[in-house]
């Protein structure tokens, strides 16, 4: 299982719509919402391609200004490996 932590920035007045759209994507869970237009979420997938596809889908949503991966965790038989960076 691969888990990516993502920070999303959107227009504050569209926060409700963006939160609903992001939360409706498979494998995506919204953990924190800031009224200023920031969301902290995780993407869970079985492959890096799956995480990248979901991140691109979030980046393409209307009113999303930015969506960037903050952390990426590869879980292999209970031994996580963490990397930091951006999937592009």
N, C-alpha and C. Protein backbone atom coordinates (compact mmCIF):
# COMPACT_ATOMS: atom_id res chain seq x y z
N UNK A 1 0.85 -1.18 0.00
CA UNK A 1 0.00 0.00 0.00
C UNK A 1 0.89 1.23 0.00
N UNK A 2 0.48 2.21 -0.74
CA UNK A 2 1.21 3.47 -0.83
C UNK A 2 0.28 4.57 -0.34
N UNK A 3 0.81 5.43 0.53
CA UNK A 3 0.03 6.53 1.07
C UNK A 3 0.80 7.82 0.81
N UNK A 4 0.10 8.80 0.23
CA UNK A 4 0.69 10.11 -0.04
C UNK A 4 -0.06 11.16 0.76
N UNK A 5 0.69 12.03 1.42
CA UNK A 5 0.10 13.18 2.09
C UNK A 5 0.13 14.35 1.14
N UNK A 6 -1.00 15.03 1.00
CA UNK A 6 -1.12 16.09 -0.01
C UNK A 6 -1.69 17.36 0.63
N UNK A 7 -1.15 18.50 0.22
CA UNK A 7 -1.68 19.81 0.60
C UNK A 7 -2.36 20.41 -0.62
N UNK A 8 -3.61 20.79 -0.45
CA UNK A 8 -4.39 21.39 -1.54
C UNK A 8 -4.71 22.82 -1.15
N UNK A 9 -4.55 23.73 -2.09
CA UNK A 9 -4.92 25.13 -1.88
C UNK A 9 -5.97 25.48 -2.93
N UNK A 10 -7.06 26.08 -2.45
CA UNK A 10 -8.14 26.49 -3.36
C UNK A 10 -8.67 27.85 -2.93
N UNK A 11 -9.55 28.38 -3.73
CA UNK A 11 -10.20 29.63 -3.36
C UNK A 11 -11.05 29.38 -2.13
N UNK A 12 -10.94 30.24 -1.13
CA UNK A 12 -11.67 30.07 0.11
C UNK A 12 -13.18 30.01 -0.07
N UNK A 13 -13.71 30.78 -1.03
CA UNK A 13 -15.15 30.78 -1.24
C UNK A 13 -15.64 29.52 -1.96
N UNK A 14 -14.72 28.70 -2.45
CA UNK A 14 -15.09 27.44 -3.12
C UNK A 14 -14.66 26.22 -2.31
N UNK A 15 -14.27 26.44 -1.06
CA UNK A 15 -13.74 25.38 -0.21
C UNK A 15 -14.71 24.21 -0.06
N UNK A 16 -15.97 24.50 0.14
CA UNK A 16 -16.95 23.42 0.33
C UNK A 16 -17.04 22.53 -0.91
N UNK A 17 -17.09 23.13 -2.09
CA UNK A 17 -17.18 22.35 -3.33
C UNK A 17 -15.92 21.53 -3.58
N UNK A 18 -14.75 22.14 -3.35
CA UNK A 18 -13.50 21.43 -3.56
C UNK A 18 -13.37 20.28 -2.56
N UNK A 19 -13.72 20.52 -1.31
CA UNK A 19 -13.66 19.46 -0.29
C UNK A 19 -14.55 18.28 -0.68
N UNK A 20 -15.75 18.55 -1.15
CA UNK A 20 -16.67 17.49 -1.56
C UNK A 20 -16.12 16.72 -2.77
N UNK A 21 -15.59 17.45 -3.74
CA UNK A 21 -15.07 16.80 -4.96
C UNK A 21 -13.85 15.93 -4.64
N UNK A 22 -12.96 16.44 -3.82
CA UNK A 22 -11.76 15.69 -3.45
C UNK A 22 -12.15 14.46 -2.63
N UNK A 23 -13.03 14.64 -1.67
CA UNK A 23 -13.45 13.53 -0.81
C UNK A 23 -14.20 12.44 -1.55
N UNK A 24 -14.75 12.75 -2.71
CA UNK A 24 -15.48 11.76 -3.50
C UNK A 24 -14.57 10.87 -4.34
N UNK A 25 -13.30 11.24 -4.46
CA UNK A 25 -12.37 10.43 -5.25
C UNK A 25 -12.00 9.16 -4.49
N UNK A 26 -11.90 8.03 -5.18
CA UNK A 26 -11.56 6.78 -4.49
C UNK A 26 -10.16 6.84 -3.88
N UNK A 27 -10.05 6.37 -2.66
CA UNK A 27 -8.76 6.31 -1.98
C UNK A 27 -8.29 7.63 -1.39
N UNK A 28 -9.15 8.66 -1.42
CA UNK A 28 -8.77 9.98 -0.91
C UNK A 28 -9.56 10.26 0.36
N UNK A 29 -8.84 10.72 1.39
CA UNK A 29 -9.49 11.08 2.65
C UNK A 29 -9.01 12.46 3.07
N UNK A 30 -9.97 13.36 3.33
CA UNK A 30 -9.66 14.71 3.79
C UNK A 30 -9.51 14.66 5.30
N UNK A 31 -8.38 15.17 5.81
CA UNK A 31 -8.10 15.12 7.25
C UNK A 31 -8.28 16.46 7.94
N UNK A 32 -8.00 17.55 7.23
CA UNK A 32 -8.11 18.86 7.85
C UNK A 32 -8.49 19.88 6.79
N UNK A 33 -9.35 20.82 7.19
CA UNK A 33 -9.79 21.88 6.29
C UNK A 33 -9.59 23.22 7.00
N UNK A 34 -8.93 24.15 6.33
CA UNK A 34 -8.71 25.50 6.84
C UNK A 34 -9.62 26.44 6.07
N UNK A 35 -10.42 27.24 6.75
CA UNK A 35 -11.34 28.15 6.05
C UNK A 35 -10.67 29.08 5.05
N UNK A 36 -9.36 29.27 5.17
CA UNK A 36 -8.65 30.14 4.23
C UNK A 36 -8.48 29.48 2.86
N UNK A 37 -8.82 28.17 2.76
CA UNK A 37 -8.74 27.49 1.47
C UNK A 37 -7.67 26.43 1.38
N UNK A 38 -7.28 25.86 2.51
CA UNK A 38 -6.27 24.80 2.49
C UNK A 38 -6.87 23.50 3.02
N UNK A 39 -6.51 22.40 2.38
CA UNK A 39 -6.94 21.07 2.80
C UNK A 39 -5.71 20.18 2.96
N UNK A 40 -5.73 19.35 3.97
CA UNK A 40 -4.70 18.33 4.15
C UNK A 40 -5.41 16.99 3.93
N UNK A 41 -4.85 16.17 3.05
CA UNK A 41 -5.51 14.90 2.74
C UNK A 41 -4.49 13.81 2.48
N UNK A 42 -4.98 12.59 2.44
CA UNK A 42 -4.13 11.46 2.05
C UNK A 42 -4.75 10.78 0.84
N UNK A 43 -3.87 10.21 0.05
CA UNK A 43 -4.25 9.37 -1.08
C UNK A 43 -3.67 7.99 -0.79
N UNK A 44 -4.51 6.97 -0.84
CA UNK A 44 -4.05 5.59 -0.69
C UNK A 44 -4.26 4.87 -2.01
N UNK A 45 -3.23 4.13 -2.45
CA UNK A 45 -3.31 3.38 -3.69
C UNK A 45 -2.36 2.19 -3.61
N UNK A 46 -2.51 1.29 -4.55
CA UNK A 46 -1.66 0.10 -4.57
C UNK A 46 -0.40 0.31 -5.40
N UNK A 47 -0.32 1.45 -6.11
CA UNK A 47 0.86 1.72 -6.93
C UNK A 47 1.14 3.22 -6.95
N UNK A 48 2.38 3.57 -7.32
CA UNK A 48 2.71 4.98 -7.44
C UNK A 48 1.92 5.62 -8.59
N UNK A 49 1.64 4.84 -9.64
CA UNK A 49 0.82 5.36 -10.73
C UNK A 49 -0.58 5.72 -10.23
N UNK A 50 -1.14 4.90 -9.36
CA UNK A 50 -2.46 5.18 -8.80
C UNK A 50 -2.47 6.47 -8.00
N UNK A 51 -1.43 6.67 -7.18
CA UNK A 51 -1.32 7.92 -6.41
C UNK A 51 -1.16 9.11 -7.34
N UNK A 52 -0.30 8.96 -8.35
CA UNK A 52 -0.07 10.05 -9.29
C UNK A 52 -1.34 10.40 -10.06
N UNK A 53 -2.09 9.39 -10.47
CA UNK A 53 -3.34 9.64 -11.20
C UNK A 53 -4.34 10.41 -10.35
N UNK A 54 -4.46 10.03 -9.08
CA UNK A 54 -5.39 10.75 -8.20
C UNK A 54 -4.92 12.17 -7.93
N UNK A 55 -3.61 12.34 -7.77
CA UNK A 55 -3.09 13.69 -7.56
C UNK A 55 -3.37 14.57 -8.77
N UNK A 56 -3.16 14.03 -9.97
CA UNK A 56 -3.46 14.80 -11.19
C UNK A 56 -4.95 15.13 -11.29
N UNK A 57 -5.80 14.19 -10.87
CA UNK A 57 -7.25 14.45 -10.89
C UNK A 57 -7.60 15.59 -9.94
N UNK A 58 -6.95 15.63 -8.79
CA UNK A 58 -7.19 16.72 -7.83
C UNK A 58 -6.69 18.04 -8.42
N UNK A 59 -5.51 18.03 -9.01
CA UNK A 59 -4.95 19.24 -9.60
C UNK A 59 -5.83 19.80 -10.71
N UNK A 60 -6.57 18.93 -11.39
CA UNK A 60 -7.41 19.35 -12.51
C UNK A 60 -8.80 19.83 -12.08
N UNK A 61 -9.13 19.69 -10.80
CA UNK A 61 -10.46 20.11 -10.35
C UNK A 61 -10.62 21.63 -10.46
N UNK A 62 -11.84 22.06 -10.83
CA UNK A 62 -12.09 23.51 -10.87
C UNK A 62 -11.84 24.12 -9.48
N UNK A 63 -11.28 25.30 -9.46
CA UNK A 63 -11.03 26.07 -8.25
C UNK A 63 -9.86 25.58 -7.41
N UNK A 64 -9.17 24.52 -7.84
CA UNK A 64 -7.95 24.11 -7.15
C UNK A 64 -6.81 24.95 -7.71
N UNK A 65 -6.15 25.67 -6.83
CA UNK A 65 -5.02 26.51 -7.22
C UNK A 65 -3.74 25.68 -7.25
N UNK A 66 -3.59 24.82 -6.24
CA UNK A 66 -2.39 24.00 -6.13
C UNK A 66 -2.70 22.73 -5.36
N UNK A 67 -2.08 21.63 -5.75
CA UNK A 67 -2.17 20.37 -5.02
C UNK A 67 -0.81 19.70 -5.16
N UNK A 68 -0.10 19.57 -4.05
CA UNK A 68 1.25 19.03 -4.08
C UNK A 68 1.43 17.97 -3.01
N UNK A 69 2.18 16.93 -3.36
CA UNK A 69 2.48 15.88 -2.41
C UNK A 69 3.50 16.39 -1.41
N UNK A 70 3.26 16.16 -0.13
CA UNK A 70 4.20 16.56 0.91
C UNK A 70 5.01 15.37 1.41
N UNK A 71 4.40 14.20 1.42
CA UNK A 71 5.09 13.00 1.89
C UNK A 71 4.52 11.79 1.17
N UNK A 72 5.37 10.79 0.99
CA UNK A 72 4.98 9.58 0.26
C UNK A 72 5.50 8.39 1.06
N UNK A 73 4.62 7.48 1.46
CA UNK A 73 5.01 6.35 2.30
C UNK A 73 4.76 5.05 1.54
N UNK A 74 5.80 4.24 1.41
CA UNK A 74 5.69 2.91 0.81
C UNK A 74 5.67 1.92 1.96
N UNK A 75 4.58 1.18 2.12
CA UNK A 75 4.51 0.18 3.18
C UNK A 75 4.79 -1.19 2.58
N UNK A 76 5.85 -1.81 3.04
CA UNK A 76 6.25 -3.12 2.55
C UNK A 76 6.33 -4.07 3.74
N UNK A 77 5.35 -4.94 3.86
CA UNK A 77 5.29 -5.92 4.93
C UNK A 77 5.47 -5.29 6.30
N UNK A 78 4.78 -4.16 6.52
CA UNK A 78 4.80 -3.52 7.83
C UNK A 78 6.00 -2.64 8.10
N UNK A 79 6.87 -2.45 7.10
CA UNK A 79 8.04 -1.61 7.27
C UNK A 79 7.94 -0.42 6.33
N UNK A 80 7.41 0.71 6.82
CA UNK A 80 7.24 1.85 5.94
C UNK A 80 8.55 2.50 5.54
N UNK A 81 8.58 3.01 4.33
CA UNK A 81 9.69 3.78 3.82
C UNK A 81 9.13 5.12 3.37
N UNK A 82 9.68 6.20 3.87
CA UNK A 82 9.12 7.52 3.61
C UNK A 82 10.04 8.30 2.68
N UNK A 83 9.41 8.96 1.69
CA UNK A 83 10.14 9.89 0.83
C UNK A 83 9.38 11.20 0.81
N UNK A 84 10.07 12.27 0.49
CA UNK A 84 9.45 13.58 0.39
C UNK A 84 9.67 14.09 -1.02
N UNK A 85 8.68 14.75 -1.56
CA UNK A 85 8.83 15.29 -2.90
C UNK A 85 7.51 15.47 -3.59
N UNK A 86 7.57 15.63 -4.88
CA UNK A 86 6.39 15.92 -5.67
C UNK A 86 6.26 14.90 -6.79
N UNK A 87 5.06 14.36 -6.98
CA UNK A 87 4.77 13.53 -8.13
C UNK A 87 4.32 14.46 -9.24
N UNK A 88 4.94 14.36 -10.38
CA UNK A 88 4.50 15.23 -11.48
C UNK A 88 4.16 14.41 -12.69
